[in-house]
């Protein structure tokens, strides 16, 4: 017997990994791609040398349904689940603008 399963992401919990209070944000979707992104985070400082920040995202799913392949009726599942995303190292650097004389 083969079974098909459908699940819809209902919440994404973003942890940008720098430990600040505004570093965790929950959204109902995955946002829009650059350059019209709807989810962004501004790091206030560089990551400590040799200690990158470790951002991740956890996805909660709901609206789950299943169906035996070949049958027409889907069955609802009254629960949710959360997939915990793996973190990834992110080194944040600082960039300083420097004005200089073009003759140097």
PDB file of N, CA and C in Angstrom:
ATOM      1  N   UNK A   1       0.849  -1.161   0.000  1.00  0.00           N
ATOM      2  CA  UNK A   1       0.000   0.000   0.000  1.00  0.00           C
ATOM      3  C   UNK A   1       0.907   1.240   0.000  1.00  0.00           C
ATOM      4  N   UNK A   2       0.594   2.175  -0.863  1.00  0.00           N
ATOM      5  CA  UNK A   2       1.311   3.447  -0.904  1.00  0.00           C
ATOM      6  C   UNK A   2       0.400   4.545  -0.372  1.00  0.00           C
ATOM      7  N   UNK A   3       1.000   5.452   0.389  1.00  0.00           N
ATOM      8  CA  UNK A   3       0.251   6.551   0.990  1.00  0.00           C
ATOM      9  C   UNK A   3       0.910   7.868   0.602  1.00  0.00           C
ATOM     10  N   UNK A   4       0.098   8.835   0.233  1.00  0.00           N
ATOM     11  CA  UNK A   4       0.580  10.195  -0.024  1.00  0.00           C
ATOM     12  C   UNK A   4       0.231  11.056   1.182  1.00  0.00           C
ATOM     13  N   UNK A   5       1.148  11.964   1.525  1.00  0.00           N
ATOM     14  CA  UNK A   5       0.943  12.847   2.677  1.00  0.00           C
ATOM     15  C   UNK A   5       1.178  14.283   2.226  1.00  0.00           C
ATOM     16  N   UNK A   6       0.294  15.173   2.661  1.00  0.00           N
ATOM     17  CA  UNK A   6       0.415  16.603   2.391  1.00  0.00           C
ATOM     18  C   UNK A   6       0.508  17.333   3.726  1.00  0.00           C
ATOM     19  N   UNK A   7       1.406  18.291   3.799  1.00  0.00           N
ATOM     20  CA  UNK A   7       1.524  19.135   4.994  1.00  0.00           C
ATOM     21  C   UNK A   7       1.895  20.542   4.548  1.00  0.00           C
ATOM     22  N   UNK A   8       1.349  21.522   5.227  1.00  0.00           N
ATOM     23  CA  UNK A   8       1.588  22.917   4.889  1.00  0.00           C
ATOM     24  C   UNK A   8       2.381  23.593   5.997  1.00  0.00           C
ATOM     25  N   UNK A   9       3.497  24.277   5.665  1.00  0.00           N
ATOM     26  CA  UNK A   9       4.196  25.038   6.698  1.00  0.00           C
ATOM     27  C   UNK A   9       3.263  26.114   7.252  1.00  0.00           C
ATOM     28  N   UNK A  10       3.158  26.195   8.572  1.00  0.00           N
ATOM     29  CA  UNK A  10       2.278  27.180   9.198  1.00  0.00           C
ATOM     30  C   UNK A  10       3.049  28.229   9.990  1.00  0.00           C
ATOM     31  N   UNK A  11       4.306  27.932  10.342  1.00  0.00           N
ATOM     32  CA  UNK A  11       5.133  28.903  11.054  1.00  0.00           C
ATOM     33  C   UNK A  11       6.603  28.556  10.854  1.00  0.00           C
ATOM     34  N   UNK A  12       7.412  29.589  10.703  1.00  0.00           N
ATOM     35  CA  UNK A  12       8.862  29.416  10.621  1.00  0.00           C
ATOM     36  C   UNK A  12       9.484  30.250  11.726  1.00  0.00           C
ATOM     37  N   UNK A  13      10.293  29.619  12.567  1.00  0.00           N
ATOM     38  CA  UNK A  13      10.968  30.335  13.652  1.00  0.00           C
ATOM     39  C   UNK A  13      12.434  30.508  13.268  1.00  0.00           C
ATOM     40  N   UNK A  14      12.779  31.758  12.988  1.00  0.00           N
ATOM     41  CA  UNK A  14      14.127  32.108  12.557  1.00  0.00           C
ATOM     42  C   UNK A  14      14.954  32.459  13.786  1.00  0.00           C
ATOM     43  N   UNK A  15      16.140  31.894  13.897  1.00  0.00           N
ATOM     44  CA  UNK A  15      17.096  32.264  14.944  1.00  0.00           C
ATOM     45  C   UNK A  15      18.367  32.674  14.214  1.00  0.00           C
ATOM     46  N   UNK A  16      18.682  33.962  14.247  1.00  0.00           N
ATOM     47  CA  UNK A  16      19.804  34.480  13.483  1.00  0.00           C
ATOM     48  C   UNK A  16      21.148  34.246  14.167  1.00  0.00           C
ATOM     49  N   UNK A  17      21.121  33.667  15.375  1.00  0.00           N
ATOM     50  CA  UNK A  17      22.321  33.122  15.985  1.00  0.00           C
ATOM     51  C   UNK A  17      23.232  34.065  16.724  1.00  0.00           C
ATOM     52  N   UNK A  18      22.860  35.339  16.863  1.00  0.00           N
ATOM     53  CA  UNK A  18      23.765  36.257  17.560  1.00  0.00           C
ATOM     54  C   UNK A  18      23.364  36.516  19.008  1.00  0.00           C
ATOM     55  N   UNK A  19      22.302  35.871  19.488  1.00  0.00           N
ATOM     56  CA  UNK A  19      21.933  35.949  20.899  1.00  0.00           C
ATOM     57  C   UNK A  19      21.227  37.217  21.339  1.00  0.00           C
ATOM     58  N   UNK A  20      20.987  38.145  20.434  1.00  0.00           N
ATOM     59  CA  UNK A  20      20.283  39.373  20.805  1.00  0.00           C
ATOM     60  C   UNK A  20      18.795  39.092  20.960  1.00  0.00           C
ATOM     61  N   UNK A  21      18.072  39.932  21.744  1.00  0.00           N
ATOM     62  CA  UNK A  21      16.626  39.713  21.928  1.00  0.00           C
ATOM     63  C   UNK A  21      15.825  39.708  20.625  1.00  0.00           C
ATOM     64  N   UNK A  22      16.239  40.504  19.640  1.00  0.00           N
ATOM     65  CA  UNK A  22      15.515  40.548  18.363  1.00  0.00           C
ATOM     66  C   UNK A  22      16.047  39.514  17.371  1.00  0.00           C
ATOM     67  N   UNK A  23      16.861  38.575  17.857  1.00  0.00           N
ATOM     68  CA  UNK A  23      17.478  37.587  16.993  1.00  0.00           C
ATOM     69  C   UNK A  23      16.552  36.433  16.630  1.00  0.00           C
ATOM     70  N   UNK A  24      15.402  36.327  17.319  1.00  0.00           N
ATOM     71  CA  UNK A  24      14.436  35.271  17.010  1.00  0.00           C
ATOM     72  C   UNK A  24      13.139  35.900  16.514  1.00  0.00           C
ATOM     73  N   UNK A  25      12.680  35.437  15.363  1.00  0.00           N
ATOM     74  CA  UNK A  25      11.477  35.974  14.730  1.00  0.00           C
ATOM     75  C   UNK A  25      10.653  34.802  14.204  1.00  0.00           C
ATOM     76  N   UNK A  26       9.335  34.850  14.399  1.00  0.00           N
ATOM     77  CA  UNK A  26       8.452  33.827  13.849  1.00  0.00           C
ATOM     78  C   UNK A  26       7.604  34.456  12.754  1.00  0.00           C
ATOM     79  N   UNK A  27       7.556  33.781  11.604  1.00  0.00           N
ATOM     80  CA  UNK A  27       6.788  34.273  10.464  1.00  0.00           C
ATOM     81  C   UNK A  27       5.856  33.167   9.962  1.00  0.00           C
ATOM     82  N   UNK A  28       4.783  33.537   9.249  1.00  0.00           N
ATOM     83  CA  UNK A  28       3.867  32.524   8.726  1.00  0.00           C
ATOM     84  C   UNK A  28       4.352  31.868   7.431  1.00  0.00           C
ATOM     85  N   UNK A  29       5.412  32.411   6.828  1.00  0.00           N
ATOM     86  CA  UNK A  29       5.912  31.847   5.573  1.00  0.00           C
ATOM     87  C   UNK A  29       7.412  32.078   5.465  1.00  0.00           C
ATOM     88  N   UNK A  30       7.984  31.631   4.368  1.00  0.00           N
ATOM     89  CA  UNK A  30       9.427  31.720   4.171  1.00  0.00           C
ATOM     90  C   UNK A  30       9.926  33.035   3.616  1.00  0.00           C
ATOM     91  N   UNK A  31       9.035  33.988   3.391  1.00  0.00           N
ATOM     92  CA  UNK A  31       9.455  35.298   2.913  1.00  0.00           C
ATOM     93  C   UNK A  31       9.652  35.348   1.409  1.00  0.00           C
ATOM     94  N   UNK A  32      10.096  36.488   0.943  1.00  0.00           N
ATOM     95  CA  UNK A  32      10.307  36.737  -0.481  1.00  0.00           C
ATOM     96  C   UNK A  32      11.806  36.822  -0.765  1.00  0.00           C
ATOM     97  N   UNK A  33      12.223  36.469  -1.983  1.00  0.00           N
ATOM     98  CA  UNK A  33      13.646  36.514  -2.315  1.00  0.00           C
ATOM     99  C   UNK A  33      14.155  37.944  -2.521  1.00  0.00           C
ATOM    100  N   UNK A  34      15.473  38.104  -2.432  1.00  0.00           N
ATOM    101  CA  UNK A  34      16.146  39.364  -2.723  1.00  0.00           C
ATOM    102  C   UNK A  34      15.819  39.766  -4.154  1.00  0.00           C
ATOM    103  N   UNK A  35      15.587  40.990  -4.465  1.00  0.00           N
ATOM    104  CA  UNK A  35      15.798  42.194  -3.659  1.00  0.00           C
ATOM    105  C   UNK A  35      14.549  42.661  -2.900  1.00  0.00           C
ATOM    106  N   UNK A  36      13.473  41.903  -2.923  1.00  0.00           N
ATOM    107  CA  UNK A  36      12.231  42.296  -2.241  1.00  0.00           C
ATOM    108  C   UNK A  36      12.001  41.466  -0.986  1.00  0.00           C
ATOM    109  N   UNK A  37      13.087  41.090  -0.307  1.00  0.00           N
ATOM    110  CA  UNK A  37      12.992  40.205   0.841  1.00  0.00           C
ATOM    111  C   UNK A  37      12.113  40.804   1.939  1.00  0.00           C
ATOM    112  N   UNK A  38      11.412  39.914   2.615  1.00  0.00           N
ATOM    113  CA  UNK A  38      10.533  40.336   3.711  1.00  0.00           C
ATOM    114  C   UNK A  38      11.062  39.869   5.058  1.00  0.00           C
ATOM    115  N   UNK A  39      12.108  39.070   5.046  1.00  0.00           N
ATOM    116  CA  UNK A  39      12.735  38.609   6.290  1.00  0.00           C
ATOM    117  C   UNK A  39      14.207  38.979   6.215  1.00  0.00           C
ATOM    118  N   UNK A  40      14.663  39.773   7.170  1.00  0.00           N
ATOM    119  CA  UNK A  40      16.054  40.209   7.187  1.00  0.00           C
ATOM    120  C   UNK A  40      16.475  40.433   8.637  1.00  0.00           C
ATOM    121  N   UNK A  41      17.760  40.418   8.858  1.00  0.00           N
ATOM    122  CA  UNK A  41      18.302  40.662  10.202  1.00  0.00           C
ATOM    123  C   UNK A  41      19.580  41.462  10.054  1.00  0.00           C
ATOM    124  N   UNK A  42      19.705  42.520  10.834  1.00  0.00           N
ATOM    125  CA  UNK A  42      20.916  43.331  10.813  1.00  0.00           C
ATOM    126  C   UNK A  42      21.752  42.953  12.027  1.00  0.00           C
ATOM    127  N   UNK A  43      22.934  42.442  11.775  1.00  0.00           N
ATOM    128  CA  UNK A  43      23.843  42.092  12.866  1.00  0.00           C
ATOM    129  C   UNK A  43      24.466  43.364  13.412  1.00  0.00           C
ATOM    130  N   UNK A  44      24.472  43.503  14.739  1.00  0.00           N
ATOM    131  CA  UNK A  44      24.971  44.715  15.382  1.00  0.00           C
ATOM    132  C   UNK A  44      26.490  44.724  15.498  1.00  0.00           C
ATOM    133  N   UNK A  45      27.104  43.555  15.371  1.00  0.00           N
ATOM    134  CA  UNK A  45      28.559  43.481  15.492  1.00  0.00           C
ATOM    135  C   UNK A  45      29.071  42.284  14.707  1.00  0.00           C
ATOM    136  N   UNK A  46      30.376  42.256  14.551  1.00  0.00           N
ATOM    137  CA  UNK A  46      31.008  41.115  13.903  1.00  0.00           C
ATOM    138  C   UNK A  46      30.940  39.916  14.844  1.00  0.00           C
ATOM    139  N   UNK A  47      31.009  38.723  14.269  1.00  0.00           N
ATOM    140  CA  UNK A  47      31.081  37.535  15.109  1.00  0.00           C
ATOM    141  C   UNK A  47      32.482  37.471  15.726  1.00  0.00           C
ATOM    142  N   UNK A  48      32.584  36.965  16.959  1.00  0.00           N
ATOM    143  CA  UNK A  48      33.907  36.866  17.589  1.00  0.00           C
ATOM    144  C   UNK A  48      34.848  36.013  16.731  1.00  0.00           C
ATOM    145  N   UNK A  49      36.116  36.382  16.702  1.00  0.00           N
ATOM    146  CA  UNK A  49      37.095  35.668  15.879  1.00  0.00           C
ATOM    147  C   UNK A  49      37.094  34.178  16.229  1.00  0.00           C
ATOM    148  N   UNK A  50      36.908  33.358  15.220  1.00  0.00           N
ATOM    149  CA  UNK A  50      36.916  31.918  15.416  1.00  0.00           C
ATOM    150  C   UNK A  50      35.625  31.357  15.990  1.00  0.00           C
ATOM    151  N   UNK A  51      34.622  32.217  16.203  1.00  0.00           N
ATOM    152  CA  UNK A  51      33.340  31.783  16.758  1.00  0.00           C
ATOM    153  C   UNK A  51      32.205  32.346  15.903  1.00  0.00           C
ATOM    154  N   UNK A  52      31.937  31.743  14.762  1.00  0.00           N
ATOM    155  CA  UNK A  52      30.875  32.273  13.899  1.00  0.00           C
ATOM    156  C   UNK A  52      29.508  32.165  14.558  1.00  0.00           C
ATOM    157  N   UNK A  53      28.604  33.045  14.165  1.00  0.00           N
ATOM    158  CA  UNK A  53      27.217  32.918  14.584  1.00  0.00           C
ATOM    159  C   UNK A  53      26.660  31.649  13.922  1.00  0.00           C
ATOM    160  N   UNK A  54      25.574  31.109  14.494  1.00  0.00           N
ATOM    161  CA  UNK A  54      25.021  29.856  13.979  1.00  0.00           C
ATOM    162  C   UNK A  54      23.516  30.016  13.744  1.00  0.00           C
ATOM    163  N   UNK A  55      23.123  30.685  12.648  1.00  0.00           N
ATOM    164  CA  UNK A  55      21.702  30.862  12.355  1.00  0.00           C
ATOM    165  C   UNK A  55      21.033  29.551  11.936  1.00  0.00           C
ATOM    166  N   UNK A  56      19.704  29.491  12.173  1.00  0.00           N
ATOM    167  CA  UNK A  56      18.924  28.310  11.770  1.00  0.00           C
ATOM    168  C   UNK A  56      17.461  28.695  11.676  1.00  0.00           C
ATOM    169  N   UNK A  57      16.664  27.810  11.120  1.00  0.00           N
ATOM    170  CA  UNK A  57      15.218  28.012  11.046  1.00  0.00           C
ATOM    171  C   UNK A  57      14.519  26.693  11.355  1.00  0.00           C
ATOM    172  N   UNK A  58      13.500  26.757  12.212  1.00  0.00           N
ATOM    173  CA  UNK A  58      12.658  25.605  12.534  1.00  0.00           C
ATOM    174  C   UNK A  58      11.314  25.805  11.844  1.00  0.00           C
ATOM    175  N   UNK A  59      10.792  24.751  11.233  1.00  0.00           N
ATOM    176  CA  UNK A  59       9.546  24.833  10.465  1.00  0.00           C
ATOM    177  C   UNK A  59       8.464  24.017  11.161  1.00  0.00           C
ATOM    178  N   UNK A  60       7.336  24.658  11.461  1.00  0.00           N
ATOM    179  CA  UNK A  60       6.181  23.962  12.018  1.00  0.00           C
ATOM    180  C   UNK A  60       5.179  23.758  10.902  1.00  0.00           C
ATOM    181  N   UNK A  61       4.673  22.547  10.804  1.00  0.00           N
ATOM    182  CA  UNK A  61       3.711  22.211   9.769  1.00  0.00           C
ATOM    183  C   UNK A  61       2.374  21.820  10.375  1.00  0.00           C
ATOM    184  N   UNK A  62       1.352  22.046   9.612  1.00  0.00           N
ATOM    185  CA  UNK A  62      -0.001  21.690  10.019  1.00  0.00           C
ATOM    186  C   UNK A  62      -0.828  21.425   8.779  1.00  0.00           C
ATOM    187  N   UNK A  63      -2.137  21.458   8.921  1.00  0.00           N
ATOM    188  CA  UNK A  63      -3.020  21.169   7.787  1.00  0.00           C
ATOM    189  C   UNK A  63      -2.585  19.877   7.091  1.00  0.00           C
ATOM    190  N   UNK A  64      -2.365  18.835   7.888  1.00  0.00           N
ATOM    191  CA  UNK A  64      -1.850  17.571   7.370  1.00  0.00           C
ATOM    192  C   UNK A  64      -3.002  16.698   6.874  1.00  0.00           C
ATOM    193  N   UNK A  65      -2.794  16.103   5.719  1.00  0.00           N
ATOM    194  CA  UNK A  65      -3.762  15.163   5.152  1.00  0.00           C
ATOM    195  C   UNK A  65      -3.000  13.982   4.568  1.00  0.00           C
ATOM    196  N   UNK A  66      -3.673  12.836   4.508  1.00  0.00           N
ATOM    197  CA  UNK A  66      -3.089  11.664   3.869  1.00  0.00           C
ATOM    198  C   UNK A  66      -4.140  10.953   3.044  1.00  0.00           C
ATOM    199  N   UNK A  67      -3.664  10.143   2.110  1.00  0.00           N
ATOM    200  CA  UNK A  67      -4.568   9.415   1.216  1.00  0.00           C
ATOM    201  C   UNK A  67      -3.844   8.170   0.704  1.00  0.00           C
ATOM    202  N   UNK A  68      -4.552   7.069   0.673  1.00  0.00           N
ATOM    203  CA  UNK A  68      -4.015   5.866   0.040  1.00  0.00           C
ATOM    204  C   UNK A  68      -4.021   6.111  -1.464  1.00  0.00           C
ATOM    205  N   UNK A  69      -2.881   5.830  -2.107  1.00  0.00           N
ATOM    206  CA  UNK A  69      -2.767   6.043  -3.555  1.00  0.00           C
ATOM    207  C   UNK A  69      -3.853   5.239  -4.265  1.00  0.00           C
ATOM    208  N   UNK A  70      -4.572   5.885  -5.150  1.00  0.00           N
ATOM    209  CA  UNK A  70      -5.642   5.238  -5.908  1.00  0.00           C
ATOM    210  C   UNK A  70      -7.025   5.480  -5.329  1.00  0.00           C
ATOM    211  N   UNK A  71      -7.072   6.000  -4.103  1.00  0.00           N
ATOM    212  CA  UNK A  71      -8.370   6.345  -3.522  1.00  0.00           C
ATOM    213  C   UNK A  71      -8.577   7.846  -3.636  1.00  0.00           C
ATOM    214  N   UNK A  72      -9.818   8.255  -3.584  1.00  0.00           N
ATOM    215  CA  UNK A  72     -10.132   9.661  -3.822  1.00  0.00           C
ATOM    216  C   UNK A  72     -10.299  10.501  -2.563  1.00  0.00           C
ATOM    217  N   UNK A  73     -10.386   9.897  -1.414  1.00  0.00           N
ATOM    218  CA  UNK A  73     -10.707  10.667  -0.215  1.00  0.00           C
ATOM    219  C   UNK A  73      -9.462  10.882   0.646  1.00  0.00           C
ATOM    220  N   UNK A  74      -9.193  12.150   0.931  1.00  0.00           N
ATOM    221  CA  UNK A  74      -8.097  12.494   1.846  1.00  0.00           C
ATOM    222  C   UNK A  74      -8.615  12.467   3.281  1.00  0.00           C
ATOM    223  N   UNK A  75      -7.726  12.092   4.190  1.00  0.00           N
ATOM    224  CA  UNK A  75      -8.048  12.062   5.615  1.00  0.00           C
ATOM    225  C   UNK A  75      -7.261  13.170   6.315  1.00  0.00           C
ATOM    226  N   UNK A  76      -7.913  13.894   7.221  1.00  0.00           N
ATOM    227  CA  UNK A  76      -7.243  14.936   7.988  1.00  0.00           C
ATOM    228  C   UNK A  76      -6.520  14.335   9.181  1.00  0.00           C
ATOM    229  N   UNK A  77      -5.401  14.950   9.537  1.00  0.00           N
ATOM    230  CA  UNK A  77      -4.649  14.573  10.731  1.00  0.00           C
ATOM    231  C   UNK A  77      -4.659  15.789  11.645  1.00  0.00           C
ATOM    232  N   UNK A  78      -5.194  15.642  12.833  1.00  0.00           N
ATOM    233  CA  UNK A  78      -5.362  16.774  13.754  1.00  0.00           C
ATOM    234  C   UNK A  78      -4.135  16.910  14.656  1.00  0.00           C
ATOM    235  N   UNK A  79      -3.020  17.319  14.058  1.00  0.00           N
ATOM    236  CA  UNK A  79      -1.804  17.544  14.830  1.00  0.00           C
ATOM    237  C   UNK A  79      -0.895  18.485  14.051  1.00  0.00           C
ATOM    238  N   UNK A  80       0.165  18.893  14.674  1.00  0.00           N
ATOM    239  CA  UNK A  80       1.206  19.667  13.997  1.00  0.00           C
ATOM    240  C   UNK A  80       2.539  18.962  14.261  1.00  0.00           C
ATOM    241  N   UNK A  81       3.547  19.378  13.562  1.00  0.00           N
ATOM    242  CA  UNK A  81       4.892  18.835  13.774  1.00  0.00           C
ATOM    243  C   UNK A  81       5.886  19.965  13.569  1.00  0.00           C
ATOM    244  N   UNK A  82       7.057  19.831  14.163  1.00  0.00           N
ATOM    245  CA  UNK A  82       8.109  20.813  13.973  1.00  0.00           C
ATOM    246  C   UNK A  82       9.373  20.107  13.514  1.00  0.00           C
ATOM    247  N   UNK A  83       9.927  20.595  12.424  1.00  0.00           N
ATOM    248  CA  UNK A  83      11.217  20.118  11.944  1.00  0.00           C
ATOM    249  C   UNK A  83      12.266  21.124  12.382  1.00  0.00           C
ATOM    250  N   UNK A  84      13.192  20.681  13.230  1.00  0.00           N
ATOM    251  CA  UNK A  84      14.239  21.572  13.721  1.00  0.00           C
ATOM    252  C   UNK A  84      15.360  21.644  12.694  1.00  0.00           C
ATOM    253  N   UNK A  85      15.603  22.843  12.200  1.00  0.00           N
ATOM    254  CA  UNK A  85      16.633  23.034  11.192  1.00  0.00           C
ATOM    255  C   UNK A  85      18.020  22.951  11.797  1.00  0.00           C
ATOM    256  N   UNK A  86      18.956  22.531  10.987  1.00  0.00           N
ATOM    257  CA  UNK A  86      20.352  22.485  11.418  1.00  0.00           C
ATOM    258  C   UNK A  86      20.945  23.883  11.332  1.00  0.00           C
ATOM    259  N   UNK A  87      21.777  24.225  12.303  1.00  0.00           N
ATOM    260  CA  UNK A  87      22.436  25.525  12.231  1.00  0.00           C
ATOM    261  C   UNK A  87      23.616  25.439  11.262  1.00  0.00           C
ATOM    262  N   UNK A  88      24.072  26.601  10.835  1.00  0.00           N
ATOM    263  CA  UNK A  88      25.196  26.673   9.905  1.00  0.00           C
ATOM    264  C   UNK A  88      26.104  27.819  10.342  1.00  0.00           C
ATOM    265  N   UNK A  89      27.422  27.650  10.250  1.00  0.00           N
ATOM    266  CA  UNK A  89      28.317  28.718  10.673  1.00  0.00           C
ATOM    267  C   UNK A  89      28.237  29.928   9.735  1.00  0.00           C
ATOM    268  N   UNK A  90      28.175  31.102  10.333  1.00  0.00           N
ATOM    269  CA  UNK A  90      28.133  32.347   9.573  1.00  0.00           C
ATOM    270  C   UNK A  90      29.099  33.332  10.215  1.00  0.00           C
ATOM    271  N   UNK A  91      30.160  33.663   9.505  1.00  0.00           N
ATOM    272  CA  UNK A  91      31.110  34.652   9.995  1.00  0.00           C
ATOM    273  C   UNK A  91      30.662  36.027   9.530  1.00  0.00           C
ATOM    274  N   UNK A  92      30.405  36.910  10.484  1.00  0.00           N
ATOM    275  CA  UNK A  92      29.975  38.276  10.177  1.00  0.00           C
ATOM    276  C   UNK A  92      31.189  39.182  10.353  1.00  0.00           C
ATOM    277  N   UNK A  93      31.520  39.922   9.292  1.00  0.00           N
ATOM    278  CA  UNK A  93      32.664  40.822   9.308  1.00  0.00           C
ATOM    279  C   UNK A  93      32.192  42.258   9.399  1.00  0.00           C
ATOM    280  N   UNK A  94      33.072  43.117   9.847  1.00  0.00           N
ATOM    281  CA  UNK A  94      32.777  44.545   9.861  1.00  0.00           C
ATOM    282  C   UNK A  94      33.453  45.188   8.659  1.00  0.00           C
ATOM    283  N   UNK A  95      32.792  46.157   8.090  1.00  0.00           N
ATOM    284  CA  UNK A  95      33.331  46.893   6.954  1.00  0.00           C
ATOM    285  C   UNK A  95      33.392  48.361   7.342  1.00  0.00           C
ATOM    286  N   UNK A  96      34.540  48.942   7.179  1.00  0.00           N
ATOM    287  CA  UNK A  96      34.724  50.351   7.514  1.00  0.00           C
ATOM    288  C   UNK A  96      35.000  51.124   6.231  1.00  0.00           C
ATOM    289  N   UNK A  97      34.253  52.186   6.010  1.00  0.00           N
ATOM    290  CA  UNK A  97      34.520  53.071   4.879  1.00  0.00           C
ATOM    291  C   UNK A  97      35.707  53.959   5.238  1.00  0.00           C
ATOM    292  N   UNK A  98      36.628  54.074   4.310  1.00  0.00           N
ATOM    293  CA  UNK A  98      37.812  54.902   4.542  1.00  0.00           C
ATOM    294  C   UNK A  98      37.942  55.870   3.380  1.00  0.00           C
ATOM    295  N   UNK A  99      37.994  57.139   3.705  1.00  0.00           N
ATOM    296  CA  UNK A  99      38.218  58.157   2.677  1.00  0.00           C
ATOM    297  C   UNK A  99      39.713  58.451   2.656  1.00  0.00           C
ATOM    298  N   UNK A 100      40.266  58.523   1.466  1.00  0.00           N
ATOM    299  CA  UNK A 100      41.696  58.818   1.375  1.00  0.00           C
ATOM    300  C   UNK A 100      41.943  59.745   0.193  1.00  0.00           C
ATOM    301  N   UNK A 101      43.111  60.299   0.173  1.00  0.00           N
ATOM    302  CA  UNK A 101      43.535  61.145  -0.918  1.00  0.00           C
ATOM    303  C   UNK A 101      43.894  60.244  -2.084  1.00  0.00           C
ATOM    304  N   UNK A 102      43.363  60.509  -3.263  1.00  0.00           N
ATOM    305  CA  UNK A 102      43.603  59.661  -4.424  1.00  0.00           C
ATOM    306  C   UNK A 102      45.060  59.692  -4.875  1.00  0.00           C
ATOM    307  N   UNK A 103      45.876  60.643  -4.374  1.00  0.00           N
ATOM    308  CA  UNK A 103      47.283  60.723  -4.750  1.00  0.00           C
ATOM    309  C   UNK A 103      48.137  59.754  -3.954  1.00  0.00           C
ATOM    310  N   UNK A 104      47.573  59.143  -2.928  1.00  0.00           N
ATOM    311  CA  UNK A 104      48.369  58.225  -2.080  1.00  0.00           C
ATOM    312  C   UNK A 104      48.429  56.855  -2.660  1.00  0.00           C
TER     313      UNK A 104
END
